[in-house]
Amino acid sequence: MRRARAARDDTRETEPICADLRRLSSWRLLDKMTAEDHLYTLGIEEEFAIVDPQTRELRSHIQEILEGGKVLLKEQIKPEMHQSVVELGTEICSSITNAREHVIELRSKLASLAGKAGLRIASAGTHPFSHWRDQLITEGERYKEIVKDMQQLARANLIFGLHVHVGIPNRESAIHVMNQARYFLPHIYALSVNSPFWVGQDTGLKGYRLKVFERFPRTGIPDAFESLSEYEDYCKLLVKTGCVDNAKKIWWDIRLHPFFDTLEVRVCDAQSRVDDTLAMAALIQAVIAKLYKLLRHNTTFRVYRRRLLDENRWRASRYGIEGKLIDFGREAEVETRSLLNELIEFVSTEVDELGSKREMAHIERIMREGTGADRQLAAFQRTNDLKAVVDQIVAETYEGLTIAEADAAAR
């Protein structure tokens, strides 16, 4: 993860990554954190679209926003490959309440920067109608190399995600937690789906973003690893054979971060509302905490093969919370909402301990009222106008922000 979350001084890092880490304002704090302090810490990364409020199209305007952003947001703002995309990342957050403060502050500052340029920000897994062909690629050797390597796959990868890091200082334990957490990724994705439209078309899927991204190599749900050494040997082999220059180019739905002591869950679509983002982060944190505690008591959740988990991943992408997932223990289809209720019950003790009851209440609200994808589709059904869908996404993105510019932009 690019911002400071929790870390170790890893000699496997390439020099550019080391240089990037040294620039982080909170890096010094990491050395002072004990393993206990770091356990279950949170880091949240959100990717936003830069939108023209008149046309509702994406605008390739990242350089202008970055000029002001580097002063206001320092290392917590960064460009992405397309100039119409910007990423924000929190510092290490000790609790979900702390994370909420960070997310609101960062969104508010970014909204202010965009407003000064006459633009808006929008948070969803895809833009409803802007075409990737019309977007400029961010200047820089890194992005040039990605396009050279991936070609049209990179140019077409105009998507927006939410990445949540949860601190686990024991990396050997973290690998085993990752193996077990893979089972819950489709459940989490079903809640987060927020990308039903692609280049002006209703795709028929609630979560189309994953279908775009899985064209990249090293994506999707990973295989299970027997040990930390097996994972590390895999990463070293990819580097040695020229597949990647560093292990950050492993883009699975969940990964043990190669340079920080975190599990990073990358499966979620970008969430429009602050409350949605925090609800996903809290659920992910509670699942990781539950599985880690079980592991410490020599109890493990069953590890399923990727080919089975992919069946649920597809169902989550296609139907969101409106369909059914497979309960592999029962060998039966079960309503997704029913399984999500079981999941909430499964982590209820951890929710109490982590102080995330507010966020779990919002998960229940999503199950009652629908996901971001459901709200987008409802807006289009009401208006038959994709611009109105963009307006709704923007309005939701600005909900709960704390600056006058953000309030004005949401109206």
Protein backbone atom coordinates (compact mmCIF):
# COMPACT_ATOMS: atom_id res chain seq x y z
CA MET A 1 0.00 0.00 0.00
CA ARG A 2 1.34 3.43 -0.88
CA ARG A 3 0.57 5.39 2.26
CA ALA A 4 1.73 4.51 5.72
CA ARG A 5 -0.42 1.84 7.31
CA ALA A 6 1.86 -0.54 9.08
CA ALA A 7 5.19 -1.62 7.85
CA ARG A 8 8.54 -3.23 8.09
CA ASP A 9 11.89 -2.29 6.54
CA ASP A 10 11.96 -4.90 3.81
CA THR A 11 15.17 -5.34 1.84
CA ARG A 12 13.20 -6.82 -1.07
CA GLU A 13 11.77 -3.42 -1.97
CA THR A 14 13.06 -1.84 -5.15
CA GLU A 15 14.79 1.50 -4.80
CA PRO A 16 11.87 3.60 -6.21
CA ILE A 17 9.51 2.09 -3.66
CA CYS A 18 12.01 2.72 -0.84
CA ALA A 19 12.29 6.32 -1.98
CA ASP A 20 8.52 6.67 -2.01
CA LEU A 21 8.24 5.28 1.50
CA ARG A 22 10.85 7.69 2.82
CA ARG A 23 8.68 10.57 1.68
CA LEU A 24 5.75 9.50 3.84
CA SER A 25 5.12 11.89 6.69
CA SER A 26 3.97 9.15 9.04
CA TRP A 27 6.79 6.68 8.28
CA ARG A 28 8.68 7.56 11.45
CA LEU A 29 5.63 6.67 13.52
CA LEU A 30 5.64 3.12 12.23
CA ASP A 31 8.93 2.23 13.86
CA LYS A 32 7.47 3.20 17.24
CA MET A 33 4.37 1.03 16.90
CA THR A 34 4.38 -2.27 18.75
CA ALA A 35 2.91 -5.36 17.14
CA GLU A 36 -0.05 -5.08 19.50
CA ASP A 37 -0.63 -1.45 18.48
CA HIS A 38 -0.59 -2.44 14.83
CA LEU A 39 -3.03 -5.36 15.10
CA TYR A 40 -6.25 -4.60 13.17
CA THR A 41 -5.16 -1.05 12.26
CA LEU A 42 -6.87 0.24 9.14
CA GLY A 43 -5.79 1.98 5.97
CA ILE A 44 -8.28 2.97 3.28
CA GLU A 45 -7.54 3.86 -0.35
CA GLU A 46 -10.28 5.30 -2.56
CA GLU A 47 -10.14 6.02 -6.29
CA PHE A 48 -12.25 8.91 -7.61
CA ALA A 49 -13.40 10.09 -11.00
CA ILE A 50 -12.87 13.73 -11.98
CA VAL A 51 -16.11 14.91 -13.58
CA ASP A 52 -17.17 17.97 -15.58
CA PRO A 53 -20.37 19.23 -13.87
CA GLN A 54 -21.81 20.47 -17.17
CA THR A 55 -21.28 17.49 -19.46
CA ARG A 56 -20.94 14.91 -16.65
CA GLU A 57 -18.10 13.41 -18.68
CA LEU A 58 -14.77 12.48 -17.18
CA ARG A 59 -12.15 15.23 -17.35
CA SER A 60 -8.42 14.57 -17.70
CA HIS A 61 -7.46 17.16 -15.11
CA ILE A 62 -5.29 15.38 -12.55
CA GLN A 63 -2.18 17.53 -12.96
CA GLU A 64 -4.01 20.73 -12.04
CA ILE A 65 -5.58 19.10 -8.98
CA LEU A 66 -2.25 17.60 -7.93
CA GLU A 67 -0.56 20.98 -7.96
CA GLY A 68 -2.80 22.17 -5.14
CA GLY A 69 -3.20 18.72 -3.66
CA LYS A 70 0.46 18.18 -2.85
CA VAL A 71 0.27 21.20 -0.53
CA LEU A 72 -3.10 20.38 1.00
CA LEU A 73 -2.96 16.57 1.02
CA LYS A 74 0.78 15.89 0.74
CA GLU A 75 1.46 12.18 0.15
CA GLN A 76 -2.15 11.16 0.66
CA ILE A 77 -3.08 12.07 -2.91
CA LYS A 78 -1.63 10.47 -6.00
CA PRO A 79 -2.37 10.17 -9.71
CA GLU A 80 -3.46 7.00 -11.42
CA MET A 81 -2.79 5.88 -14.99
CA HIS A 82 -5.67 7.89 -16.46
CA GLN A 83 -5.62 11.64 -15.90
CA SER A 84 -9.32 11.58 -15.00
CA VAL A 85 -8.64 9.39 -11.93
CA VAL A 86 -7.23 10.39 -8.54
CA GLU A 87 -6.49 8.27 -5.49
CA LEU A 88 -6.67 9.19 -1.82
CA GLY A 89 -5.20 7.14 0.99
CA THR A 90 -5.55 7.55 4.73
CA GLU A 91 -2.72 7.35 7.21
CA ILE A 92 -2.69 4.49 9.72
CA CYS A 93 -6.05 4.49 11.50
CA SER A 94 -6.26 3.02 14.98
CA SER A 95 -10.03 2.42 14.78
CA ILE A 96 -12.99 2.68 12.44
CA THR A 97 -13.90 5.97 14.10
CA ASN A 98 -10.44 7.30 13.34
CA ALA A 99 -10.79 6.04 9.76
CA ARG A 100 -14.10 7.88 9.38
CA GLU A 101 -12.43 11.14 10.37
CA HIS A 102 -9.66 10.58 7.84
CA VAL A 103 -11.97 9.62 4.97
CA ILE A 104 -14.24 12.64 5.51
CA GLU A 105 -11.28 14.99 5.78
CA LEU A 106 -9.59 13.66 2.64
CA ARG A 107 -12.78 13.64 0.56
CA SER A 108 -13.62 17.16 1.71
CA LYS A 109 -10.20 18.50 0.75
CA LEU A 110 -10.29 16.78 -2.64
CA ALA A 111 -13.80 18.13 -3.28
CA SER A 112 -12.52 21.61 -2.45
CA LEU A 113 -9.60 21.27 -4.87
CA ALA A 114 -11.86 20.00 -7.63
CA GLY A 115 -14.38 22.77 -6.94
CA LYS A 116 -11.73 25.45 -7.35
CA ALA A 117 -11.04 24.03 -10.81
CA GLY A 118 -14.76 24.03 -11.65
CA LEU A 119 -14.94 20.25 -11.41
CA ARG A 120 -16.53 17.57 -9.22
CA ILE A 121 -15.43 14.21 -7.88
CA ALA A 122 -17.49 11.05 -8.19
CA SER A 123 -17.04 7.67 -6.54
CA ALA A 124 -18.34 4.54 -8.27
CA GLY A 125 -16.78 1.42 -9.76
CA THR A 126 -17.14 2.70 -13.34
CA HIS A 127 -18.25 5.93 -14.99
CA PRO A 128 -21.69 5.32 -16.51
CA PHE A 129 -20.87 6.52 -20.02
CA SER A 130 -17.45 8.13 -20.55
CA HIS A 131 -15.29 6.05 -22.89
CA TRP A 132 -11.77 4.97 -22.06
CA ARG A 133 -10.63 5.94 -25.57
CA ASP A 134 -11.22 9.60 -24.72
CA GLN A 135 -9.03 9.64 -21.60
CA LEU A 136 -5.46 10.91 -21.49
CA ILE A 137 -2.76 8.76 -19.90
CA THR A 138 -0.82 10.33 -17.03
CA GLU A 139 2.70 11.32 -18.00
CA GLY A 140 5.58 9.43 -16.45
CA GLU A 141 7.84 6.48 -17.10
CA ARG A 142 5.83 4.15 -14.86
CA TYR A 143 2.59 4.61 -16.79
CA LYS A 144 4.41 4.49 -20.12
CA GLU A 145 5.83 1.09 -19.15
CA ILE A 146 2.42 -0.22 -18.04
CA VAL A 147 0.83 0.76 -21.36
CA LYS A 148 3.77 -0.70 -23.27
CA ASP A 149 3.36 -3.97 -21.40
CA MET A 150 -0.44 -4.24 -21.19
CA GLN A 151 -1.39 -2.32 -24.35
CA GLN A 152 -5.17 -1.92 -24.78
CA LEU A 153 -5.85 -3.77 -21.53
CA ALA A 154 -4.19 -0.88 -19.68
CA ARG A 155 -5.80 1.87 -21.74
CA ALA A 156 -9.24 0.32 -21.20
CA ASN A 157 -8.76 -0.20 -17.45
CA LEU A 158 -10.86 2.85 -16.55
CA ILE A 159 -12.21 1.60 -13.23
CA PHE A 160 -12.33 2.76 -9.62
CA GLY A 161 -11.79 0.63 -6.53
CA LEU A 162 -11.78 0.69 -2.75
CA HIS A 163 -8.80 -0.99 -1.07
CA VAL A 164 -8.83 -1.73 2.65
CA HIS A 165 -5.71 -2.66 4.62
CA VAL A 166 -5.94 -4.43 7.98
CA GLY A 167 -2.83 -4.71 10.12
CA ILE A 168 -1.52 -8.16 11.05
CA PRO A 169 2.08 -7.96 12.25
CA ASN A 170 2.69 -11.72 12.14
CA ARG A 171 3.08 -12.43 8.44
CA GLU A 172 3.03 -16.21 8.82
CA SER A 173 -0.35 -15.94 10.54
CA ALA A 174 -1.50 -13.42 7.95
CA ILE A 175 -0.99 -15.92 5.12
CA HIS A 176 -3.28 -18.42 6.84
CA VAL A 177 -5.87 -15.71 7.54
CA MET A 178 -5.71 -14.72 3.88
CA ASN A 179 -6.36 -18.32 2.82
CA GLN A 180 -9.52 -18.42 4.93
CA ALA A 181 -10.72 -14.88 4.16
CA ARG A 182 -10.86 -15.75 0.45
CA TYR A 183 -14.18 -17.50 1.13
CA PHE A 184 -15.84 -14.23 2.18
CA LEU A 185 -14.67 -12.09 -0.74
CA PRO A 186 -17.78 -12.77 -2.89
CA HIS A 187 -20.03 -11.91 0.07
CA ILE A 188 -18.20 -8.60 0.55
CA TYR A 189 -18.22 -7.86 -3.16
CA ALA A 190 -21.96 -8.51 -3.38
CA LEU A 191 -22.46 -5.69 -0.86
CA SER A 192 -20.07 -3.33 -2.63
CA VAL A 193 -21.19 -3.69 -6.26
CA ASN A 194 -21.36 -0.19 -7.77
CA SER A 195 -20.62 -0.56 -11.48
CA PRO A 196 -23.64 -1.60 -13.56
CA PHE A 197 -22.87 0.68 -16.54
CA TRP A 198 -19.96 0.64 -18.97
CA VAL A 199 -19.39 3.09 -21.85
CA GLY A 200 -23.07 4.04 -21.94
CA GLN A 201 -24.58 0.57 -21.67
CA ASP A 202 -26.41 -1.28 -18.94
CA THR A 203 -24.15 -4.33 -18.70
CA GLY A 204 -26.74 -6.48 -16.94
CA LEU A 205 -24.18 -7.02 -14.17
CA LYS A 206 -24.27 -5.25 -10.82
CA GLY A 207 -20.48 -5.25 -10.64
CA TYR A 208 -18.85 -4.88 -14.07
CA ARG A 209 -15.60 -3.44 -12.71
CA LEU A 210 -14.19 -6.84 -11.78
CA LYS A 211 -14.87 -8.12 -15.28
CA VAL A 212 -12.77 -5.28 -16.70
CA PHE A 213 -9.95 -5.74 -14.23
CA GLU A 214 -9.68 -9.51 -14.45
CA ARG A 215 -8.31 -9.14 -17.97
CA PHE A 216 -5.07 -8.17 -16.24
CA PRO A 217 -2.73 -10.97 -15.16
CA ARG A 218 -2.43 -11.87 -11.48
CA THR A 219 -5.97 -10.80 -10.56
CA GLY A 220 -8.98 -12.47 -8.98
CA ILE A 221 -9.08 -14.70 -5.92
CA PRO A 222 -5.63 -16.16 -5.24
CA ASP A 223 -4.83 -19.79 -4.66
CA ALA A 224 -4.20 -20.81 -1.05
CA PHE A 225 -0.61 -20.87 0.17
CA GLU A 226 0.74 -23.51 2.54
CA SER A 227 3.07 -21.06 4.26
CA LEU A 228 4.64 -17.62 4.17
CA SER A 229 7.73 -19.10 2.56
CA GLU A 230 5.65 -20.50 -0.31
CA TYR A 231 4.14 -17.06 -0.90
CA GLU A 232 7.55 -15.38 -0.73
CA ASP A 233 9.07 -17.95 -3.10
CA TYR A 234 6.25 -17.26 -5.55
CA CYS A 235 6.90 -13.50 -5.41
CA LYS A 236 10.65 -14.00 -5.85
CA LEU A 237 10.10 -16.29 -8.83
CA LEU A 238 7.93 -13.70 -10.59
CA VAL A 239 10.60 -11.06 -10.09
CA LYS A 240 13.45 -13.38 -11.08
CA THR A 241 11.73 -14.44 -14.30
CA GLY A 242 10.83 -10.90 -15.32
CA CYS A 243 7.06 -11.27 -14.87
CA VAL A 244 7.03 -8.26 -12.53
CA ASP A 245 9.61 -5.83 -11.21
CA ASN A 246 8.14 -5.98 -7.71
CA ALA A 247 5.36 -7.87 -5.94
CA LYS A 248 3.00 -4.89 -5.88
CA LYS A 249 2.06 -5.94 -9.41
CA ILE A 250 0.23 -8.90 -7.94
CA TRP A 251 -3.31 -7.50 -8.03
CA TRP A 252 -5.39 -10.20 -6.37
CA ASP A 253 -8.71 -9.49 -4.65
CA ILE A 254 -6.84 -10.04 -1.39
CA ARG A 255 -3.10 -10.05 -0.87
CA LEU A 256 -0.51 -10.03 1.85
CA HIS A 257 1.11 -6.72 1.10
CA PRO A 258 4.74 -7.28 0.08
CA PHE A 259 6.13 -4.26 1.95
CA PHE A 260 3.72 -3.62 4.81
CA ASP A 261 2.40 -5.96 7.44
CA THR A 262 -1.19 -5.76 6.26
CA LEU A 263 -3.75 -7.86 4.50
CA GLU A 264 -5.10 -5.75 1.66
CA VAL A 265 -8.62 -6.47 0.42
CA ARG A 266 -8.97 -5.05 -3.09
CA VAL A 267 -12.22 -6.63 -4.28
CA CYS A 268 -14.64 -3.76 -3.56
CA ASP A 269 -15.95 -1.26 -6.08
CA ALA A 270 -15.41 2.36 -5.12
CA GLN A 271 -18.26 3.39 -2.82
CA SER A 272 -20.29 6.54 -3.44
CA ARG A 273 -21.20 7.44 0.16
CA VAL A 274 -18.77 7.86 3.03
CA ASP A 275 -20.98 5.56 5.11
CA ASP A 276 -20.71 2.85 2.45
CA THR A 277 -16.91 3.05 2.42
CA LEU A 278 -16.70 2.82 6.21
CA ALA A 279 -19.20 -0.05 6.34
CA MET A 280 -17.12 -2.11 3.89
CA ALA A 281 -13.93 -1.31 5.79
CA ALA A 282 -15.50 -2.27 9.13
CA LEU A 283 -16.85 -5.57 7.80
CA ILE A 284 -13.47 -6.45 6.30
CA GLN A 285 -11.72 -5.54 9.56
CA ALA A 286 -14.14 -7.68 11.58
CA VAL A 287 -13.72 -10.70 9.27
CA ILE A 288 -9.93 -10.49 9.46
CA ALA A 289 -10.06 -10.08 13.25
CA LYS A 290 -12.40 -13.07 13.63
CA LEU A 291 -10.25 -15.37 11.53
CA TYR A 292 -7.06 -14.26 13.25
CA LYS A 293 -8.55 -14.94 16.68
CA LEU A 294 -9.74 -18.38 15.57
CA LEU A 295 -6.27 -19.14 14.25
CA ARG A 296 -4.67 -18.20 17.55
CA HIS A 297 -7.02 -20.67 19.25
CA ASN A 298 -6.01 -23.40 16.79
CA THR A 299 -9.36 -23.22 15.04
CA THR A 300 -9.59 -22.51 11.34
CA PHE A 301 -12.31 -21.82 8.82
CA ARG A 302 -12.30 -24.31 5.99
CA VAL A 303 -10.12 -23.37 3.01
CA TYR A 304 -11.88 -23.87 -0.32
CA ARG A 305 -10.35 -24.17 -3.76
CA ARG A 306 -10.32 -21.14 -6.01
CA ARG A 307 -12.43 -22.83 -8.67
CA LEU A 308 -15.30 -23.10 -6.18
CA LEU A 309 -14.91 -19.57 -4.83
CA ASP A 310 -14.96 -18.22 -8.39
CA GLU A 311 -18.52 -19.50 -8.78
CA ASN A 312 -19.63 -17.20 -5.96
CA ARG A 313 -17.46 -14.37 -7.27
CA TRP A 314 -19.32 -14.54 -10.57
CA ARG A 315 -22.72 -14.60 -8.85
CA ALA A 316 -21.79 -11.58 -6.71
CA SER A 317 -20.71 -9.64 -9.80
CA ARG A 318 -23.83 -10.59 -11.74
CA TYR A 319 -26.52 -10.16 -9.09
CA GLY A 320 -25.08 -8.27 -6.12
CA ILE A 321 -27.24 -8.94 -3.07
CA GLU A 322 -30.29 -9.82 -5.16
CA GLY A 323 -29.16 -13.31 -6.07
CA LYS A 324 -27.94 -16.47 -4.40
CA LEU A 325 -24.50 -17.68 -3.40
CA ILE A 326 -23.43 -21.25 -2.86
CA ASP A 327 -22.99 -22.43 0.70
CA PHE A 328 -20.32 -25.03 0.04
CA GLY A 329 -20.67 -26.55 3.49
CA ARG A 330 -24.34 -27.30 2.84
CA GLU A 331 -23.75 -27.84 -0.90
CA ALA A 332 -26.75 -25.65 -1.65
CA GLU A 333 -27.74 -22.27 -3.07
CA VAL A 334 -28.71 -19.76 -0.39
CA GLU A 335 -30.10 -16.25 -0.69
CA THR A 336 -27.20 -13.82 -0.54
CA ARG A 337 -28.93 -11.68 2.07
CA SER A 338 -29.33 -14.73 4.29
CA LEU A 339 -25.64 -15.55 4.07
CA LEU A 340 -24.75 -11.92 4.79
CA ASN A 341 -26.91 -12.03 7.91
CA GLU A 342 -25.00 -15.14 8.95
CA LEU A 343 -21.73 -13.33 8.30
CA ILE A 344 -22.77 -10.38 10.47
CA GLU A 345 -23.64 -12.81 13.26
CA PHE A 346 -20.32 -14.62 12.76
CA VAL A 347 -18.35 -11.41 13.45
CA SER A 348 -20.68 -9.88 16.05
CA THR A 349 -18.24 -10.27 18.95
CA GLU A 350 -15.47 -8.61 16.93
CA VAL A 351 -17.80 -5.79 15.92
CA ASP A 352 -18.40 -5.06 19.60
CA GLU A 353 -14.70 -5.17 20.37
CA LEU A 354 -13.71 -3.01 17.42
CA GLY A 355 -16.43 -0.41 18.04
CA SER A 356 -18.08 -0.73 14.62
CA LYS A 357 -21.77 -1.20 15.48
CA ARG A 358 -22.64 1.97 13.56
CA GLU A 359 -21.02 0.58 10.44
CA MET A 360 -22.72 -2.81 10.79
CA ALA A 361 -26.06 -1.00 11.07
CA HIS A 362 -25.24 0.59 7.73
CA ILE A 363 -24.52 -2.85 6.23
CA GLU A 364 -28.05 -3.80 7.25
CA ARG A 365 -29.33 -0.61 5.62
CA ILE A 366 -27.63 -1.58 2.35
CA MET A 367 -29.28 -5.00 2.53
CA ARG A 368 -32.67 -3.32 2.99
CA GLU A 369 -32.34 -0.45 0.51
CA GLY A 370 -29.92 -1.79 -2.08
CA THR A 371 -26.31 -1.41 -3.16
CA GLY A 372 -24.74 1.45 -5.08
CA ALA A 373 -25.47 -0.48 -8.29
CA ASP A 374 -29.13 -0.82 -7.31
CA ARG A 375 -29.35 2.93 -6.70
CA GLN A 376 -27.72 3.72 -10.03
CA LEU A 377 -30.12 1.43 -11.87
CA ALA A 378 -33.10 2.93 -10.04
CA ALA A 379 -31.98 6.44 -11.02
CA PHE A 380 -31.74 5.41 -14.66
CA GLN A 381 -35.12 3.70 -14.51
CA ARG A 382 -36.66 6.92 -13.18
CA THR A 383 -35.01 9.27 -15.66
CA ASN A 384 -33.78 7.24 -18.63
CA ASP A 385 -30.78 9.57 -18.46
CA LEU A 386 -27.22 8.49 -17.63
CA LYS A 387 -26.35 12.09 -16.80
CA ALA A 388 -28.87 11.88 -13.98
CA VAL A 389 -27.08 8.76 -12.79
CA VAL A 390 -23.81 10.70 -12.67
CA ASP A 391 -25.58 13.49 -10.76
CA GLN A 392 -26.74 10.98 -8.18
CA ILE A 393 -23.25 9.47 -7.83
CA VAL A 394 -21.76 12.94 -7.33
CA ALA A 395 -24.42 13.91 -4.77
CA GLU A 396 -23.78 10.73 -2.80
CA THR A 397 -20.01 11.25 -3.00
CA TYR A 398 -20.43 14.64 -1.31
CA GLU A 399 -22.78 13.39 1.43
CA GLY A 400 -21.45 14.14 4.89
CA LEU A 401 -18.47 16.22 3.75
CA THR A 402 -17.47 19.17 5.86
CA ILE A 403 -16.66 22.11 3.60
CA ALA A 404 -18.80 24.74 1.95
CA GLU A 405 -17.56 23.84 -1.52
CA ALA A 406 -18.60 20.25 -1.06
CA ASP A 407 -22.03 21.21 0.20
CA ALA A 408 -22.55 23.55 -2.75
CA ALA A 409 -21.38 20.96 -5.24
CA ALA A 410 -23.79 18.37 -3.92
CA ARG A 411 -26.78 20.62 -4.56
